[in-house]
Amino acid sequence: MEREIIEFTADTQPVKVYDAGSGIEAQFLVDWLRGAGIEARIASTAIEPLAGKVPFQIATCPVLVARRDAERALAELPGFEAKLAERGGEAAFCYHCGGALDTRPATCPACGGALDWS
């Protein structure tokens, strides 16, 4: 398997814009940012506490964007955090649009996004 070498420029260098408390929260933010036209990725899924490497109290799931998109991503955070506060608790929600779900359907009734509950 051949591996591609990625060379970053000043504009494409990844920067952290958010420390999510869980992999689900991080994925929700990644989808939220992608919906705003900002490419984002999760740097870690906080699996380290399960392996005993890092105490769970300090483990996070950093969300990264290219440096050129950091300002736009930071501007999206208040809306994202308001949506998190609105849904509260650990109720099921669509990680594409953030819509609340009463059950765990295969697709979101609001946006039609495919949902994986595994």
C-alpha atoms as a PDB file:
ATOM      1  CA  MET A   1       0.000   0.000   0.000  1.00  0.00           C
ATOM      2  CA  GLU A   2       1.475   3.284  -1.093  1.00  0.00           C
ATOM      3  CA  ARG A   3       1.069   6.214   1.265  1.00  0.00           C
ATOM      4  CA  GLU A   4       0.577   9.774   0.160  1.00  0.00           C
ATOM      5  CA  ILE A   5       2.732  12.440   1.775  1.00  0.00           C
ATOM      6  CA  ILE A   6       0.699  15.499   2.680  1.00  0.00           C
ATOM      7  CA  GLU A   7       2.544  18.786   2.647  1.00  0.00           C
ATOM      8  CA  PHE A   8       0.865  21.613   4.518  1.00  0.00           C
ATOM      9  CA  THR A   9       1.154  25.271   3.654  1.00  0.00           C
ATOM     10  CA  ALA A  10       0.486  28.113   6.076  1.00  0.00           C
ATOM     11  CA  ASP A  11      -3.151  28.174   4.887  1.00  0.00           C
ATOM     12  CA  THR A  12      -3.760  24.424   5.028  1.00  0.00           C
ATOM     13  CA  GLN A  13      -2.033  23.718   8.358  1.00  0.00           C
ATOM     14  CA  PRO A  14      -4.638  22.084  10.658  1.00  0.00           C
ATOM     15  CA  VAL A  15      -5.654  24.094  13.717  1.00  0.00           C
ATOM     16  CA  LYS A  16      -7.903  23.098  16.607  1.00  0.00           C
ATOM     17  CA  VAL A  17     -11.132  25.063  16.816  1.00  0.00           C
ATOM     18  CA  TYR A  18     -13.013  22.993  19.408  1.00  0.00           C
ATOM     19  CA  ASP A  19     -12.525  20.344  22.087  1.00  0.00           C
ATOM     20  CA  ALA A  20     -15.606  18.124  22.010  1.00  0.00           C
ATOM     21  CA  GLY A  21     -16.504  16.100  25.075  1.00  0.00           C
ATOM     22  CA  SER A  22     -17.316  12.981  23.062  1.00  0.00           C
ATOM     23  CA  GLY A  23     -16.906  11.449  19.629  1.00  0.00           C
ATOM     24  CA  ILE A  24     -20.600  12.040  18.954  1.00  0.00           C
ATOM     25  CA  GLU A  25     -20.343  15.732  19.796  1.00  0.00           C
ATOM     26  CA  ALA A  26     -17.223  16.013  17.626  1.00  0.00           C
ATOM     27  CA  GLN A  27     -18.957  14.328  14.678  1.00  0.00           C
ATOM     28  CA  PHE A  28     -21.963  16.606  15.092  1.00  0.00           C
ATOM     29  CA  LEU A  29     -19.653  19.642  14.867  1.00  0.00           C
ATOM     30  CA  VAL A  30     -17.783  18.233  11.852  1.00  0.00           C
ATOM     31  CA  ASP A  31     -21.100  17.755  10.056  1.00  0.00           C
ATOM     32  CA  TRP A  32     -22.270  21.220  11.173  1.00  0.00           C
ATOM     33  CA  LEU A  33     -19.103  22.819   9.779  1.00  0.00           C
ATOM     34  CA  ARG A  34     -19.265  20.828   6.548  1.00  0.00           C
ATOM     35  CA  GLY A  35     -22.828  22.075   6.144  1.00  0.00           C
ATOM     36  CA  ALA A  36     -21.368  25.598   6.286  1.00  0.00           C
ATOM     37  CA  GLY A  37     -18.830  24.698   3.581  1.00  0.00           C
ATOM     38  CA  ILE A  38     -15.911  24.222   5.979  1.00  0.00           C
ATOM     39  CA  GLU A  39     -13.907  20.994   5.772  1.00  0.00           C
ATOM     40  CA  ALA A  40     -13.256  19.652   9.270  1.00  0.00           C
ATOM     41  CA  ARG A  41     -12.002  16.468  10.866  1.00  0.00           C
ATOM     42  CA  ILE A  42     -11.714  14.837  14.260  1.00  0.00           C
ATOM     43  CA  ALA A  43      -8.155  14.471  15.562  1.00  0.00           C
ATOM     44  CA  SER A  44      -9.044  11.815  18.157  1.00  0.00           C
ATOM     45  CA  THR A  45     -12.132   9.912  19.238  1.00  0.00           C
ATOM     46  CA  ALA A  46     -11.108   9.992  22.917  1.00  0.00           C
ATOM     47  CA  ILE A  47     -10.438   6.248  22.936  1.00  0.00           C
ATOM     48  CA  GLU A  48      -7.333   6.877  25.035  1.00  0.00           C
ATOM     49  CA  PRO A  49      -9.220   6.650  28.388  1.00  0.00           C
ATOM     50  CA  LEU A  50     -10.442   3.170  27.462  1.00  0.00           C
ATOM     51  CA  ALA A  51      -6.868   2.098  26.891  1.00  0.00           C
ATOM     52  CA  GLY A  52      -5.867   3.604  30.238  1.00  0.00           C
ATOM     53  CA  LYS A  53      -3.488   6.073  28.623  1.00  0.00           C
ATOM     54  CA  VAL A  54      -5.253   9.293  29.639  1.00  0.00           C
ATOM     55  CA  PRO A  55      -7.710   9.951  32.496  1.00  0.00           C
ATOM     56  CA  PHE A  56     -11.232  10.327  31.109  1.00  0.00           C
ATOM     57  CA  GLN A  57     -11.620  13.710  32.832  1.00  0.00           C
ATOM     58  CA  ILE A  58      -9.081  15.335  30.510  1.00  0.00           C
ATOM     59  CA  ALA A  59      -9.653  13.402  27.277  1.00  0.00           C
ATOM     60  CA  THR A  60     -11.322  15.349  24.499  1.00  0.00           C
ATOM     61  CA  CYS A  61     -12.030  14.979  20.808  1.00  0.00           C
ATOM     62  CA  PRO A  62     -10.316  17.917  19.084  1.00  0.00           C
ATOM     63  CA  VAL A  63     -11.957  19.186  15.903  1.00  0.00           C
ATOM     64  CA  LEU A  64      -9.516  20.538  13.311  1.00  0.00           C
ATOM     65  CA  VAL A  65      -9.907  22.790  10.292  1.00  0.00           C
ATOM     66  CA  ALA A  66      -7.429  24.345   7.874  1.00  0.00           C
ATOM     67  CA  ARG A  67      -5.954  27.573   9.227  1.00  0.00           C
ATOM     68  CA  ARG A  68      -7.591  29.527   6.381  1.00  0.00           C
ATOM     69  CA  ASP A  69     -11.030  28.339   7.596  1.00  0.00           C
ATOM     70  CA  ALA A  70     -10.470  28.836  11.338  1.00  0.00           C
ATOM     71  CA  GLU A  71     -12.142  32.250  11.589  1.00  0.00           C
ATOM     72  CA  ARG A  72     -15.254  31.055   9.737  1.00  0.00           C
ATOM     73  CA  ALA A  73     -15.350  27.887  11.867  1.00  0.00           C
ATOM     74  CA  LEU A  74     -15.109  29.878  15.092  1.00  0.00           C
ATOM     75  CA  ALA A  75     -17.985  32.061  13.881  1.00  0.00           C
ATOM     76  CA  GLU A  76     -20.113  28.896  13.532  1.00  0.00           C
ATOM     77  CA  LEU A  77     -19.509  27.766  17.142  1.00  0.00           C
ATOM     78  CA  PRO A  78     -22.177  29.916  18.859  1.00  0.00           C
ATOM     79  CA  GLY A  79     -24.900  28.389  16.659  1.00  0.00           C
ATOM     80  CA  PHE A  80     -23.519  24.910  17.225  1.00  0.00           C
ATOM     81  CA  GLU A  81     -23.321  25.384  20.997  1.00  0.00           C
ATOM     82  CA  ALA A  82     -26.857  26.813  21.075  1.00  0.00           C
ATOM     83  CA  LYS A  83     -28.089  23.706  19.258  1.00  0.00           C
ATOM     84  CA  LEU A  84     -26.287  21.501  21.797  1.00  0.00           C
ATOM     85  CA  ALA A  85     -27.855  23.403  24.693  1.00  0.00           C
ATOM     86  CA  GLU A  86     -31.263  23.226  23.019  1.00  0.00           C
ATOM     87  CA  ARG A  87     -31.189  19.463  22.712  1.00  0.00           C
ATOM     88  CA  GLY A  88     -29.717  18.955  26.220  1.00  0.00           C
ATOM     89  CA  GLY A  89     -29.018  15.598  27.824  1.00  0.00           C
ATOM     90  CA  GLU A  90     -28.149  12.538  25.812  1.00  0.00           C
ATOM     91  CA  ALA A  91     -31.294  12.415  23.698  1.00  0.00           C
ATOM     92  CA  ALA A  92     -30.876  10.961  20.227  1.00  0.00           C
ATOM     93  CA  PHE A  93     -30.221  13.529  17.523  1.00  0.00           C
ATOM     94  CA  CYS A  94     -29.275  13.633  13.862  1.00  0.00           C
ATOM     95  CA  TYR A  95     -25.558  14.263  13.529  1.00  0.00           C
ATOM     96  CA  HIS A  96     -26.140  15.826  10.106  1.00  0.00           C
ATOM     97  CA  CYS A  97     -28.672  18.529  10.965  1.00  0.00           C
ATOM     98  CA  GLY A  98     -28.918  18.326  14.760  1.00  0.00           C
ATOM     99  CA  GLY A  99     -32.634  17.557  14.731  1.00  0.00           C
ATOM    100  CA  ALA A 100     -34.011  15.747  17.780  1.00  0.00           C
ATOM    101  CA  LEU A 101     -35.107  12.135  17.247  1.00  0.00           C
ATOM    102  CA  ASP A 102     -37.621  10.165  19.317  1.00  0.00           C
ATOM    103  CA  THR A 103     -36.303   6.858  17.983  1.00  0.00           C
ATOM    104  CA  ARG A 104     -33.164   5.707  16.175  1.00  0.00           C
ATOM    105  CA  PRO A 105     -34.214   5.612  12.512  1.00  0.00           C
ATOM    106  CA  ALA A 106     -31.950   4.613   9.623  1.00  0.00           C
ATOM    107  CA  THR A 107     -32.473   8.047   8.048  1.00  0.00           C
ATOM    108  CA  CYS A 108     -33.282  11.408   9.601  1.00  0.00           C
ATOM    109  CA  PRO A 109     -36.897  12.416   8.941  1.00  0.00           C
ATOM    110  CA  ALA A 110     -35.874  16.110   8.861  1.00  0.00           C
ATOM    111  CA  CYS A 111     -32.912  16.091   6.469  1.00  0.00           C
ATOM    112  CA  GLY A 112     -32.837  12.563   5.027  1.00  0.00           C
ATOM    113  CA  GLY A 113     -29.257  11.946   6.204  1.00  0.00           C
ATOM    114  CA  ALA A 114     -28.271   8.311   6.744  1.00  0.00           C
ATOM    115  CA  LEU A 115     -27.732   7.487  10.433  1.00  0.00           C
ATOM    116  CA  ASP A 116     -25.464   4.780  11.811  1.00  0.00           C
ATOM    117  CA  TRP A 117     -26.297   3.702  15.378  1.00  0.00           C
ATOM    118  CA  SER A 118     -23.551   1.101  15.732  1.00  0.00           C
END
